[in-house]
C-alpha atoms as a PDB file:
ATOM      1  CA  MET A   1      -3.795  -9.442  -8.707  1.00  0.00           C
ATOM      2  CA  ALA A   2      -0.358  -8.611 -10.017  1.00  0.00           C
ATOM      3  CA  LEU A   3       2.178  -7.182  -7.599  1.00  0.00           C
ATOM      4  CA  SER A   4       5.895  -6.683  -8.044  1.00  0.00           C
ATOM      5  CA  SER A   5       8.517  -5.858  -5.476  1.00  0.00           C
ATOM      6  CA  THR A   6      11.912  -4.188  -5.340  1.00  0.00           C
ATOM      7  CA  THR A   7      14.051  -3.356  -2.343  1.00  0.00           C
ATOM      8  CA  THR A   8      16.355  -0.430  -1.688  1.00  0.00           C
ATOM      9  CA  ASP A   9      18.728  -0.225   1.288  1.00  0.00           C
ATOM     10  CA  THR A  10      15.951   0.383   3.816  1.00  0.00           C
ATOM     11  CA  THR A  11      12.646   0.168   1.939  1.00  0.00           C
ATOM     12  CA  GLN A  12      10.693  -2.475   0.087  1.00  0.00           C
ATOM     13  CA  ILE A  13       8.543  -1.085  -2.728  1.00  0.00           C
ATOM     14  CA  ILE A  14       5.513  -3.142  -3.711  1.00  0.00           C
ATOM     15  CA  THR A  15       3.812  -1.958  -6.888  1.00  0.00           C
ATOM     16  CA  VAL A  16       0.182  -2.780  -7.673  1.00  0.00           C
ATOM     17  CA  HIS A  17      -0.335  -3.635 -11.357  1.00  0.00           C
ATOM     18  CA  SER A  18      -4.112  -3.336 -11.414  1.00  0.00           C
ATOM     19  CA  ASP A  19      -6.460  -0.406 -11.846  1.00  0.00           C
ATOM     20  CA  ARG A  20      -8.798  -1.647  -9.077  1.00  0.00           C
ATOM     21  CA  ILE A  21      -8.611  -3.022  -5.566  1.00  0.00           C
ATOM     22  CA  ASP A  22     -12.177  -4.054  -4.835  1.00  0.00           C
ATOM     23  CA  ALA A  23     -14.266  -6.871  -3.371  1.00  0.00           C
ATOM     24  CA  ALA A  24     -13.464  -9.171  -6.291  1.00  0.00           C
ATOM     25  CA  MET A  25      -9.715  -8.792  -5.700  1.00  0.00           C
ATOM     26  CA  ALA A  26      -9.392  -8.201  -1.948  1.00  0.00           C
ATOM     27  CA  ILE A  27      -8.632 -11.771  -0.864  1.00  0.00           C
ATOM     28  CA  GLN A  28      -6.079 -12.301  -3.630  1.00  0.00           C
ATOM     29  CA  PHE A  29      -4.512  -8.916  -2.838  1.00  0.00           C
ATOM     30  CA  LYS A  30      -4.003  -9.896   0.828  1.00  0.00           C
ATOM     31  CA  GLU A  31      -2.445 -13.231  -0.157  1.00  0.00           C
ATOM     32  CA  ASP A  32      -0.157 -11.623  -2.727  1.00  0.00           C
ATOM     33  CA  MET A  33       0.875  -8.901  -0.257  1.00  0.00           C
ATOM     34  CA  ARG A  34       1.726 -11.534   2.352  1.00  0.00           C
ATOM     35  CA  THR A  35       3.918 -13.350  -0.166  1.00  0.00           C
ATOM     36  CA  GLU A  36       5.645 -10.211  -1.510  1.00  0.00           C
ATOM     37  CA  ALA A  37       6.274  -8.600   1.896  1.00  0.00           C
ATOM     38  CA  GLU A  38       7.434 -11.714   3.715  1.00  0.00           C
ATOM     39  CA  GLY A  39      10.822 -11.116   5.292  1.00  0.00           C
ATOM     40  CA  GLY A  40      11.289  -7.721   3.657  1.00  0.00           C
ATOM     41  CA  ALA A  41      12.583  -4.390   4.900  1.00  0.00           C
ATOM     42  CA  ALA A  42      11.233  -2.596   7.983  1.00  0.00           C
ATOM     43  CA  ARG A  43       9.519  -0.026   5.758  1.00  0.00           C
ATOM     44  CA  VAL A  44       7.203  -1.081   2.944  1.00  0.00           C
ATOM     45  CA  VAL A  45       5.876   1.448   0.420  1.00  0.00           C
ATOM     46  CA  LEU A  46       2.802   0.340  -1.503  1.00  0.00           C
ATOM     47  CA  ASP A  47       2.875   2.071  -4.891  1.00  0.00           C
ATOM     48  CA  LEU A  48      -0.729   2.690  -5.938  1.00  0.00           C
ATOM     49  CA  THR A  49       0.087   4.826  -8.983  1.00  0.00           C
ATOM     50  CA  GLY A  50      -1.875   2.571 -11.348  1.00  0.00           C
ATOM     51  CA  VAL A  51      -4.886   2.122  -9.062  1.00  0.00           C
ATOM     52  CA  GLU A  52      -7.895   4.154 -10.192  1.00  0.00           C
ATOM     53  CA  PHE A  53     -10.568   2.660  -7.916  1.00  0.00           C
ATOM     54  CA  ILE A  54     -10.723   1.257  -4.407  1.00  0.00           C
ATOM     55  CA  ASP A  55     -13.758   0.213  -2.401  1.00  0.00           C
ATOM     56  CA  SER A  56     -14.229  -0.678   1.258  1.00  0.00           C
ATOM     57  CA  SER A  57     -13.073  -4.267   0.653  1.00  0.00           C
ATOM     58  CA  GLY A  58      -9.897  -2.992  -0.978  1.00  0.00           C
ATOM     59  CA  LEU A  59      -9.344  -0.580   1.874  1.00  0.00           C
ATOM     60  CA  GLY A  60      -9.827  -3.429   4.328  1.00  0.00           C
ATOM     61  CA  ALA A  61      -7.325  -5.548   2.405  1.00  0.00           C
ATOM     62  CA  ILE A  62      -4.690  -2.807   2.662  1.00  0.00           C
ATOM     63  CA  VAL A  63      -5.346  -2.452   6.407  1.00  0.00           C
ATOM     64  CA  ALA A  64      -5.078  -6.234   6.807  1.00  0.00           C
ATOM     65  CA  SER A  65      -1.783  -6.154   4.897  1.00  0.00           C
ATOM     66  CA  MET A  66      -0.467  -3.516   7.289  1.00  0.00           C
ATOM     67  CA  LYS A  67      -1.410  -5.728  10.241  1.00  0.00           C
ATOM     68  CA  GLN A  68       0.287  -8.736   8.614  1.00  0.00           C
ATOM     69  CA  LEU A  69       3.557  -6.821   8.624  1.00  0.00           C
ATOM     70  CA  GLY A  70       3.553  -6.720  12.418  1.00  0.00           C
ATOM     71  CA  ARG A  71       4.613  -4.018  14.846  1.00  0.00           C
ATOM     72  CA  ASP A  72       8.222  -3.739  13.703  1.00  0.00           C
ATOM     73  CA  ARG A  73       7.374  -2.891  10.095  1.00  0.00           C
ATOM     74  CA  ARG A  74       5.577   0.081   8.558  1.00  0.00           C
ATOM     75  CA  LEU A  75       3.366   0.365   5.466  1.00  0.00           C
ATOM     76  CA  ASP A  76       3.283   3.715   3.654  1.00  0.00           C
ATOM     77  CA  LEU A  77       1.187   4.471   0.572  1.00  0.00           C
ATOM     78  CA  ALA A  78       2.328   6.362  -2.525  1.00  0.00           C
ATOM     79  CA  GLY A  79       0.891   7.534  -5.831  1.00  0.00           C
ATOM     80  CA  LEU A  80      -2.757   7.816  -4.811  1.00  0.00           C
ATOM     81  CA  ASN A  81      -4.956   9.364  -7.475  1.00  0.00           C
ATOM     82  CA  PRO A  82      -7.555  11.903  -6.238  1.00  0.00           C
ATOM     83  CA  PHE A  83     -10.385   9.347  -5.973  1.00  0.00           C
ATOM     84  CA  VAL A  84      -8.299   6.800  -4.058  1.00  0.00           C
ATOM     85  CA  GLU A  85      -6.890   9.491  -1.767  1.00  0.00           C
ATOM     86  CA  LYS A  86     -10.426  10.731  -1.062  1.00  0.00           C
ATOM     87  CA  VAL A  87     -11.438   7.244   0.099  1.00  0.00           C
ATOM     88  CA  PHE A  88      -8.536   7.211   2.563  1.00  0.00           C
ATOM     89  CA  ARG A  89      -9.339  10.710   3.842  1.00  0.00           C
ATOM     90  CA  LEU A  90     -13.112  10.137   4.171  1.00  0.00           C
ATOM     91  CA  THR A  91     -12.502   6.982   6.204  1.00  0.00           C
ATOM     92  CA  ARG A  92      -9.802   8.742   8.264  1.00  0.00           C
ATOM     93  CA  MET A  93      -7.269   6.144   7.160  1.00  0.00           C
ATOM     94  CA  ASP A  94      -4.975   9.074   6.369  1.00  0.00           C
ATOM     95  CA  THR A  95      -4.371   9.133  10.135  1.00  0.00           C
ATOM     96  CA  VAL A  96      -3.243   5.489  10.036  1.00  0.00           C
ATOM     97  CA  PHE A  97      -1.060   5.559   6.921  1.00  0.00           C
ATOM     98  CA  ASN A  98       1.494   8.047   5.648  1.00  0.00           C
ATOM     99  CA  LEU A  99       0.184   9.106   2.219  1.00  0.00           C
ATOM    100  CA  TYR A 100       2.580  10.434  -0.429  1.00  0.00           C
ATOM    101  CA  PRO A 101       1.613  11.981  -3.787  1.00  0.00           C
ATOM    102  CA  THR A 102       4.341  10.058  -5.636  1.00  0.00           C
ATOM    103  CA  LEU A 103       6.689   7.155  -5.078  1.00  0.00           C
ATOM    104  CA  ASP A 104       9.630   9.583  -5.251  1.00  0.00           C
ATOM    105  CA  ASP A 105       8.086  11.653  -2.444  1.00  0.00           C
ATOM    106  CA  ALA A 106       7.702   8.526  -0.327  1.00  0.00           C
ATOM    107  CA  LEU A 107      11.280   7.442  -0.922  1.00  0.00           C
ATOM    108  CA  ALA A 108      12.601  10.939  -0.127  1.00  0.00           C
ATOM    109  CA  SER A 109      10.727  11.003   3.171  1.00  0.00           C
ATOM    110  CA  THR A 110      12.388   9.974   6.394  1.00  0.00           C
ATOM    111  CA  THR A 111       9.187  10.094   8.472  1.00  0.00           C
ATOM    112  CA  GLU A 112       9.250   7.539  11.212  1.00  0.00           C
END
């Protein structure tokens, strides 16, 4: 699982460089997220622009990554394609995460 990270003044952006987050990748995704997000900003935006498919294992890996951040840090999601967004809405995870259509929308938001 390839992830890359950049940091602005207040936000760490972690970009997923894979078209899938599924059962075959979930464990590696969690490990890579832990490494990338360690000691980062209070707000983390996960850029899912390139992700075309996510299954329940991938969803669980993203939830686990949010929990790894701890209470003082927040994980927002950006760039969800219609299929990936539907998975989050059907599972009501859209009530847990802030979902943004694009990375620019996420960065422009000041939602706490």
